[in-house]
N, C-alpha and C. Protein backbone atom coordinates (compact mmCIF):
# COMPACT_ATOMS: atom_id res chain seq x y z
N MET A 1 -226.33 91.69 21.05
CA MET A 1 -225.81 92.06 22.35
C MET A 1 -224.59 92.94 22.16
N ALA A 2 -224.51 94.01 22.91
CA ALA A 2 -223.35 94.89 22.86
C ALA A 2 -222.94 95.26 24.27
N ILE A 3 -221.66 95.24 24.53
CA ILE A 3 -221.10 95.62 25.82
C ILE A 3 -220.08 96.71 25.57
N ASN A 4 -220.13 97.79 26.33
CA ASN A 4 -219.16 98.86 26.19
C ASN A 4 -218.39 99.05 27.49
N TYR A 5 -217.08 99.18 27.37
CA TYR A 5 -216.23 99.47 28.52
C TYR A 5 -215.44 100.74 28.20
N GLY A 6 -215.27 101.56 29.21
CA GLY A 6 -214.41 102.72 29.03
C GLY A 6 -215.13 103.94 28.52
N HIS A 7 -214.41 104.76 27.83
CA HIS A 7 -214.85 106.02 27.26
C HIS A 7 -215.05 107.12 28.31
N ASP A 8 -214.95 106.81 29.59
CA ASP A 8 -214.99 107.83 30.62
C ASP A 8 -213.59 108.33 30.94
N THR A 9 -212.62 107.46 30.75
CA THR A 9 -211.22 107.77 31.05
C THR A 9 -210.39 107.45 29.83
N VAL A 10 -209.40 108.28 29.57
CA VAL A 10 -208.50 108.04 28.45
C VAL A 10 -207.12 107.77 29.02
N TYR A 11 -206.46 106.73 28.52
CA TYR A 11 -205.13 106.34 28.96
C TYR A 11 -204.12 106.70 27.88
N TYR A 12 -202.87 106.95 28.29
CA TYR A 12 -201.83 107.37 27.36
C TYR A 12 -200.58 106.52 27.51
N TRP A 13 -200.01 106.10 26.36
CA TRP A 13 -198.73 105.41 26.32
C TRP A 13 -197.76 106.32 25.57
N PRO A 14 -196.65 106.73 26.20
CA PRO A 14 -195.76 107.71 25.57
C PRO A 14 -194.89 107.13 24.46
N LYS A 15 -194.50 108.01 23.56
CA LYS A 15 -193.55 107.64 22.52
C LYS A 15 -192.17 107.49 23.16
N GLY A 16 -191.36 106.64 22.59
CA GLY A 16 -190.00 106.50 23.09
C GLY A 16 -189.60 105.06 23.26
N GLY A 17 -188.67 104.85 24.11
CA GLY A 17 -188.10 103.53 24.31
C GLY A 17 -188.91 102.62 25.19
N TYR A 18 -190.15 102.98 25.48
CA TYR A 18 -190.97 102.18 26.37
C TYR A 18 -191.54 100.97 25.63
N LEU A 19 -191.37 99.81 26.21
CA LEU A 19 -191.92 98.57 25.65
C LEU A 19 -192.74 97.91 26.74
N GLY A 20 -193.80 97.21 26.36
CA GLY A 20 -194.52 96.48 27.40
C GLY A 20 -196.00 96.43 27.23
N THR A 21 -196.70 96.27 28.36
CA THR A 21 -198.15 96.11 28.38
C THR A 21 -198.81 97.45 28.67
N PHE A 22 -199.75 97.86 27.81
CA PHE A 22 -200.45 99.13 27.95
C PHE A 22 -201.60 98.99 28.93
N TRP A 23 -202.49 98.01 28.72
CA TRP A 23 -203.62 97.79 29.62
C TRP A 23 -204.06 96.34 29.58
N VAL A 24 -204.71 95.93 30.67
CA VAL A 24 -205.23 94.58 30.82
C VAL A 24 -206.59 94.68 31.49
N GLY A 25 -207.59 93.99 30.96
CA GLY A 25 -208.90 93.96 31.61
C GLY A 25 -210.01 94.13 30.59
N PRO A 26 -211.21 93.91 30.92
CA PRO A 26 -211.68 93.43 32.23
C PRO A 26 -211.22 92.00 32.46
N PHE A 27 -211.13 91.61 33.72
CA PHE A 27 -210.58 90.30 34.06
C PHE A 27 -211.61 89.18 34.07
N TYR A 28 -212.87 89.50 34.27
CA TYR A 28 -213.89 88.45 34.43
C TYR A 28 -214.98 88.59 33.38
N LEU A 29 -214.61 88.70 32.13
CA LEU A 29 -215.56 88.84 31.04
C LEU A 29 -216.02 87.45 30.61
N VAL A 30 -217.28 87.13 30.89
CA VAL A 30 -217.84 85.84 30.49
C VAL A 30 -218.88 86.11 29.41
N LEU A 31 -218.68 85.51 28.24
CA LEU A 31 -219.58 85.70 27.11
C LEU A 31 -220.27 84.38 26.78
N LEU A 32 -221.50 84.47 26.31
CA LEU A 32 -222.21 83.30 25.83
C LEU A 32 -221.56 82.83 24.53
N PRO A 33 -221.76 81.56 24.16
CA PRO A 33 -221.21 81.09 22.90
C PRO A 33 -221.68 81.96 21.74
N GLY A 34 -220.79 82.25 20.83
CA GLY A 34 -221.10 83.07 19.67
C GLY A 34 -219.84 83.70 19.12
N THR A 35 -220.02 84.57 18.14
CA THR A 35 -218.92 85.29 17.52
C THR A 35 -219.09 86.77 17.84
N TYR A 36 -218.02 87.40 18.25
CA TYR A 36 -218.05 88.79 18.71
C TYR A 36 -216.98 89.62 18.00
N ASN A 37 -217.32 90.88 17.75
CA ASN A 37 -216.32 91.86 17.36
C ASN A 37 -215.94 92.62 18.62
N VAL A 38 -214.66 92.61 18.91
CA VAL A 38 -214.11 93.35 20.05
C VAL A 38 -213.34 94.53 19.47
N THR A 39 -213.84 95.74 19.70
CA THR A 39 -213.23 96.93 19.12
C THR A 39 -212.67 97.80 20.23
N ALA A 40 -211.38 98.07 20.15
CA ALA A 40 -210.71 98.97 21.09
C ALA A 40 -210.41 100.28 20.34
N TYR A 41 -210.55 101.40 21.03
CA TYR A 41 -210.41 102.71 20.39
C TYR A 41 -209.09 103.36 20.77
N PHE A 42 -208.31 103.68 19.74
CA PHE A 42 -206.98 104.25 19.91
C PHE A 42 -206.83 105.52 19.07
N MET A 43 -205.90 106.37 19.50
CA MET A 43 -205.50 107.55 18.73
C MET A 43 -203.99 107.69 18.89
N ILE A 44 -203.29 108.01 17.80
CA ILE A 44 -201.84 108.21 17.87
C ILE A 44 -201.54 109.71 17.86
N THR A 45 -200.34 110.05 18.36
CA THR A 45 -199.98 111.46 18.46
C THR A 45 -199.22 111.97 17.25
N GLU A 46 -198.60 111.06 16.49
CA GLU A 46 -197.85 111.46 15.29
C GLU A 46 -197.73 110.27 14.35
N PRO A 47 -197.49 110.52 13.06
CA PRO A 47 -197.36 109.41 12.11
C PRO A 47 -196.23 108.47 12.54
N CYS A 48 -196.37 107.20 12.16
CA CYS A 48 -195.34 106.21 12.51
C CYS A 48 -195.30 105.13 11.44
N ASN A 49 -194.34 104.27 11.54
CA ASN A 49 -194.20 103.12 10.65
C ASN A 49 -194.12 101.86 11.50
N GLY A 50 -194.69 100.77 10.97
CA GLY A 50 -194.58 99.50 11.68
C GLY A 50 -195.77 99.21 12.56
N THR A 51 -195.48 98.64 13.72
CA THR A 51 -196.51 98.18 14.65
C THR A 51 -196.51 99.03 15.91
N VAL A 52 -197.70 99.35 16.39
CA VAL A 52 -197.86 100.11 17.63
C VAL A 52 -197.91 99.15 18.82
N GLY A 53 -198.63 98.04 18.68
CA GLY A 53 -198.80 97.06 19.75
C GLY A 53 -199.65 95.91 19.26
N VAL A 54 -200.19 95.12 20.19
CA VAL A 54 -201.02 93.96 19.85
C VAL A 54 -202.25 93.96 20.75
N LEU A 55 -203.42 93.79 20.15
CA LEU A 55 -204.68 93.66 20.87
C LEU A 55 -205.01 92.18 20.95
N GLN A 56 -205.32 91.68 22.17
CA GLN A 56 -205.58 90.26 22.35
C GLN A 56 -206.76 90.00 23.28
N ALA A 57 -207.39 88.85 23.06
CA ALA A 57 -208.34 88.27 24.00
C ALA A 57 -207.74 86.96 24.45
N THR A 58 -207.59 86.79 25.77
CA THR A 58 -206.92 85.61 26.32
C THR A 58 -207.72 85.05 27.49
N ASN A 59 -207.24 83.94 28.04
CA ASN A 59 -207.79 83.49 29.31
C ASN A 59 -207.25 84.43 30.41
N MET A 60 -207.71 84.25 31.64
CA MET A 60 -207.39 85.21 32.70
C MET A 60 -205.91 85.33 33.02
N VAL A 61 -205.14 84.29 32.82
CA VAL A 61 -203.71 84.38 33.12
C VAL A 61 -202.88 84.68 31.87
N GLY A 62 -203.55 84.80 30.72
CA GLY A 62 -202.85 85.15 29.49
C GLY A 62 -202.11 84.02 28.82
N SER A 63 -202.31 82.80 29.29
CA SER A 63 -201.56 81.67 28.73
C SER A 63 -202.21 81.09 27.48
N GLN A 64 -203.49 81.36 27.27
CA GLN A 64 -204.18 80.88 26.07
C GLN A 64 -204.74 82.08 25.32
N ILE A 65 -204.33 82.25 24.07
CA ILE A 65 -204.78 83.38 23.26
C ILE A 65 -205.95 82.92 22.40
N TYR A 66 -207.11 83.56 22.59
CA TYR A 66 -208.32 83.23 21.83
C TYR A 66 -208.39 84.01 20.52
N ALA A 67 -207.89 85.24 20.53
CA ALA A 67 -207.88 86.08 19.32
C ALA A 67 -206.81 87.14 19.50
N SER A 68 -206.18 87.53 18.40
CA SER A 68 -205.10 88.50 18.47
C SER A 68 -205.01 89.26 17.16
N THR A 69 -204.70 90.55 17.22
CA THR A 69 -204.48 91.34 16.01
C THR A 69 -203.45 92.41 16.30
N PRO A 70 -202.54 92.65 15.34
CA PRO A 70 -201.58 93.73 15.54
C PRO A 70 -202.28 95.09 15.38
N ILE A 71 -201.75 96.08 16.04
CA ILE A 71 -202.21 97.46 15.86
C ILE A 71 -201.13 98.13 15.02
N LEU A 72 -201.43 98.30 13.74
CA LEU A 72 -200.45 98.80 12.79
C LEU A 72 -200.55 100.31 12.62
N CYS A 73 -199.41 100.95 12.43
CA CYS A 73 -199.39 102.39 12.18
C CYS A 73 -200.25 102.75 10.96
N SER A 74 -200.30 101.85 9.98
CA SER A 74 -201.05 102.13 8.75
C SER A 74 -202.55 102.22 8.98
N TYR A 75 -203.05 101.75 10.12
CA TYR A 75 -204.48 101.87 10.43
C TYR A 75 -204.88 103.32 10.73
N PHE A 76 -203.92 104.14 11.06
CA PHE A 76 -204.19 105.52 11.45
C PHE A 76 -203.85 106.44 10.27
N LYS A 77 -204.88 106.97 9.61
CA LYS A 77 -204.68 107.80 8.43
C LYS A 77 -204.04 109.14 8.78
N GLU A 78 -204.31 109.61 10.00
CA GLU A 78 -203.69 110.84 10.48
C GLU A 78 -203.70 110.85 12.01
N PRO A 79 -202.77 111.58 12.60
CA PRO A 79 -202.72 111.65 14.06
C PRO A 79 -203.96 112.36 14.63
N ASN A 80 -204.18 112.15 15.92
CA ASN A 80 -205.22 112.84 16.68
C ASN A 80 -206.64 112.57 16.18
N LYS A 81 -206.86 111.39 15.61
CA LYS A 81 -208.19 110.93 15.20
C LYS A 81 -208.41 109.54 15.78
N TRP A 82 -209.56 109.33 16.45
CA TRP A 82 -209.85 108.03 17.05
C TRP A 82 -210.08 106.98 15.97
N VAL A 83 -209.51 105.81 16.18
CA VAL A 83 -209.65 104.68 15.25
C VAL A 83 -210.03 103.44 16.07
N GLY A 84 -211.02 102.72 15.59
CA GLY A 84 -211.41 101.46 16.23
C GLY A 84 -210.63 100.31 15.61
N ILE A 85 -209.92 99.56 16.43
CA ILE A 85 -209.18 98.38 15.99
C ILE A 85 -209.99 97.17 16.47
N THR A 86 -210.38 96.32 15.52
CA THR A 86 -211.30 95.23 15.84
C THR A 86 -210.64 93.87 15.66
N LEU A 87 -210.90 92.99 16.63
CA LEU A 87 -210.55 91.59 16.45
C LEU A 87 -211.83 90.78 16.59
N THR A 88 -211.87 89.65 15.93
CA THR A 88 -213.04 88.77 15.99
C THR A 88 -212.75 87.65 16.97
N LEU A 89 -213.66 87.47 17.91
CA LEU A 89 -213.51 86.49 18.97
C LEU A 89 -214.63 85.47 18.85
N VAL A 90 -214.27 84.19 18.74
CA VAL A 90 -215.25 83.10 18.69
C VAL A 90 -215.25 82.41 20.05
N VAL A 91 -216.41 82.43 20.71
CA VAL A 91 -216.57 81.76 22.00
C VAL A 91 -217.39 80.50 21.73
N SER A 92 -216.77 79.33 21.91
CA SER A 92 -217.47 78.09 21.61
C SER A 92 -218.15 77.50 22.83
N ASN A 93 -217.68 77.88 24.03
CA ASN A 93 -218.25 77.29 25.24
C ASN A 93 -218.15 78.31 26.37
N SER A 94 -219.27 78.72 26.92
CA SER A 94 -219.25 79.74 27.97
C SER A 94 -218.70 79.22 29.29
N SER A 95 -218.41 77.93 29.39
CA SER A 95 -217.87 77.39 30.64
C SER A 95 -216.35 77.48 30.70
N VAL A 96 -215.72 77.95 29.62
CA VAL A 96 -214.26 78.11 29.65
C VAL A 96 -213.90 79.26 30.58
N ASP A 97 -212.61 79.42 30.83
CA ASP A 97 -212.14 80.53 31.66
C ASP A 97 -212.74 81.85 31.18
N PRO A 98 -212.98 82.76 32.10
CA PRO A 98 -213.39 84.10 31.68
C PRO A 98 -212.34 84.70 30.75
N ILE A 99 -212.78 85.61 29.93
CA ILE A 99 -211.91 86.22 28.93
C ILE A 99 -211.31 87.51 29.49
N MET A 100 -210.05 87.73 29.18
CA MET A 100 -209.37 88.97 29.54
C MET A 100 -208.93 89.65 28.25
N LEU A 101 -209.14 90.94 28.16
CA LEU A 101 -208.66 91.72 27.03
C LEU A 101 -207.38 92.43 27.44
N ARG A 102 -206.47 92.59 26.48
CA ARG A 102 -205.23 93.29 26.79
C ARG A 102 -204.61 93.90 25.54
N CYS A 103 -203.81 94.91 25.76
CA CYS A 103 -203.03 95.55 24.71
C CYS A 103 -201.57 95.44 25.15
N ILE A 104 -200.80 94.64 24.41
CA ILE A 104 -199.43 94.31 24.83
C ILE A 104 -198.43 94.63 23.72
N ASN A 105 -197.18 94.36 24.02
CA ASN A 105 -196.07 94.52 23.06
C ASN A 105 -196.03 95.92 22.46
N MET A 106 -196.28 96.93 23.29
CA MET A 106 -196.21 98.31 22.81
C MET A 106 -194.78 98.61 22.39
N THR A 107 -194.64 99.29 21.24
CA THR A 107 -193.32 99.53 20.68
C THR A 107 -192.77 100.92 20.98
N GLY A 108 -193.64 101.86 21.35
CA GLY A 108 -193.18 103.23 21.56
C GLY A 108 -192.94 103.98 20.26
N ALA A 109 -193.45 103.45 19.13
CA ALA A 109 -193.26 104.08 17.82
C ALA A 109 -193.92 105.46 17.75
N THR A 110 -194.94 105.66 18.55
CA THR A 110 -195.66 106.93 18.63
C THR A 110 -196.38 106.97 19.97
N GLY A 111 -196.81 108.13 20.38
CA GLY A 111 -197.67 108.21 21.56
C GLY A 111 -199.04 107.64 21.19
N VAL A 112 -199.68 106.94 22.12
CA VAL A 112 -200.96 106.29 21.85
C VAL A 112 -201.93 106.59 22.98
N TYR A 113 -203.15 106.97 22.62
CA TYR A 113 -204.24 107.11 23.57
C TYR A 113 -205.19 105.93 23.40
N PHE A 114 -205.77 105.48 24.51
CA PHE A 114 -206.77 104.41 24.51
C PHE A 114 -207.99 104.91 25.28
N SER A 115 -209.20 104.70 24.69
CA SER A 115 -210.39 105.25 25.35
C SER A 115 -211.43 104.21 25.74
N GLY A 116 -211.28 102.96 25.34
CA GLY A 116 -212.27 101.97 25.75
C GLY A 116 -212.48 100.88 24.73
N VAL A 117 -213.39 99.96 25.07
CA VAL A 117 -213.66 98.78 24.25
C VAL A 117 -215.16 98.62 24.07
N ALA A 118 -215.56 98.25 22.87
CA ALA A 118 -216.97 97.89 22.59
C ALA A 118 -216.97 96.44 22.10
N ILE A 119 -217.88 95.65 22.66
CA ILE A 119 -218.01 94.24 22.26
C ILE A 119 -219.40 94.05 21.69
N THR A 120 -219.47 93.54 20.46
CA THR A 120 -220.74 93.35 19.78
C THR A 120 -220.84 91.91 19.29
N GLN A 121 -221.92 91.24 19.65
CA GLN A 121 -222.11 89.88 19.15
C GLN A 121 -222.59 89.96 17.71
N ILE A 122 -221.91 89.23 16.82
CA ILE A 122 -222.27 89.27 15.40
C ILE A 122 -222.94 87.97 14.94
N SER A 123 -222.85 86.92 15.75
CA SER A 123 -223.61 85.69 15.44
C SER A 123 -223.64 84.81 16.68
C-alpha cells in the first residue's frame, strides 16, 4: 500500500531567525496495523551545519509521538536537490487516534522547500 500527499504545491521556510512549525497534516490519517515508511521531500537553498528541523508522526493533538527523526543538514549533499527524509512508523492498532504528520522545530539554518509526503507500507 502506498499513499502520496502533496507534490502539487511546494512550501518554503526562509533562512534566518525563524523558529517554529513548518507544516502540519494530514490531520485524519488512519492506517491499518503494520509498519510504514513515511518519506517527506525537502530541498535546501544553501549548505548548512546542524539540524534543519524534525519530522514527526503524532496523534492529532501532538501530545503522543509515534515516530520522530531529525532533518540534518548532512542529509543534503548539495543545495537545490530534492531529498527524501524517511521515518519508520509502526501502527499496532488502527483504533488509536488518527495520525498527524508534522515538521517542527525549524532552525532557520538554511532556506527549506517541502513538496509532499509518500507513505509506503513495508510490512
